[in-house]
């Protein structure tokens, strides 16, 4: 889906700029984190709201 950035109202342009700045800041903070040793493989389990180990989902 594409859009014409010139057709957006000023509030939408500000919101897009703020979102891009937050994205850049989050990426920079993620790079500053130390690498986890001995952690789980794959995507972060907390992202999906539960942990899965050997096919059993454990909800906190």
Protein backbone atom coordinates (compact mmCIF):
# COMPACT_ATOMS: atom_id res chain seq x y z
CA UNK A 1 0.00 0.00 0.00
CA UNK A 2 1.46 3.33 -0.98
CA UNK A 3 0.42 6.83 -0.11
CA UNK A 4 1.26 10.33 -1.23
CA UNK A 5 3.17 11.98 1.64
CA UNK A 6 2.22 15.42 0.35
CA UNK A 7 -1.49 14.60 0.70
CA UNK A 8 -1.20 13.84 4.42
CA UNK A 9 -2.33 16.40 7.00
CA UNK A 10 0.40 17.99 9.17
CA UNK A 11 -0.60 15.91 12.23
CA UNK A 12 -0.12 12.67 10.27
CA UNK A 13 3.28 13.83 9.02
CA UNK A 14 4.33 14.61 12.62
CA UNK A 15 3.08 11.20 13.78
CA UNK A 16 5.06 9.41 11.07
CA UNK A 17 8.20 11.38 11.92
CA UNK A 18 7.79 10.61 15.64
CA UNK A 19 7.25 6.90 14.92
CA UNK A 20 10.40 6.78 12.78
CA UNK A 21 12.40 8.48 15.55
CA UNK A 22 11.10 5.97 18.14
CA UNK A 23 12.01 3.10 15.80
CA UNK A 24 15.57 4.42 15.40
CA UNK A 25 15.90 4.92 19.15
CA UNK A 26 14.67 1.39 19.89
CA UNK A 27 17.15 -0.08 17.38
CA UNK A 28 20.00 1.89 18.96
CA UNK A 29 19.04 0.71 22.46
CA UNK A 30 18.81 -2.89 21.26
CA UNK A 31 22.35 -2.70 19.89
CA UNK A 32 23.62 -1.48 23.28
CA UNK A 33 22.29 -4.59 25.05
CA UNK A 34 24.79 -7.37 25.81
CA UNK A 35 24.38 -10.63 23.90
CA UNK A 36 22.57 -13.33 25.85
CA UNK A 37 24.60 -16.46 26.48
CA UNK A 38 22.81 -19.80 26.85
CA UNK A 39 19.40 -18.36 25.97
CA UNK A 40 16.57 -19.86 23.97
CA UNK A 41 16.73 -20.10 20.20
CA UNK A 42 14.16 -18.44 17.99
CA UNK A 43 11.93 -15.44 18.58
CA UNK A 44 11.53 -13.90 22.02
CA UNK A 45 8.88 -16.00 23.85
CA UNK A 46 7.51 -13.07 25.84
CA UNK A 47 6.52 -11.44 22.57
CA UNK A 48 3.74 -14.00 22.12
CA UNK A 49 2.54 -13.97 25.74
CA UNK A 50 3.62 -17.51 26.59
CA UNK A 51 6.63 -19.79 26.73
CA UNK A 52 6.85 -23.04 24.82
CA UNK A 53 9.22 -25.86 25.63
CA UNK A 54 9.04 -29.29 24.00
CA UNK A 55 5.59 -28.52 22.58
CA UNK A 56 4.03 -27.49 25.92
CA UNK A 57 2.95 -23.87 26.25
CA UNK A 58 3.28 -22.38 29.73
CA UNK A 59 1.34 -19.19 30.36
CA UNK A 60 2.51 -16.94 33.16
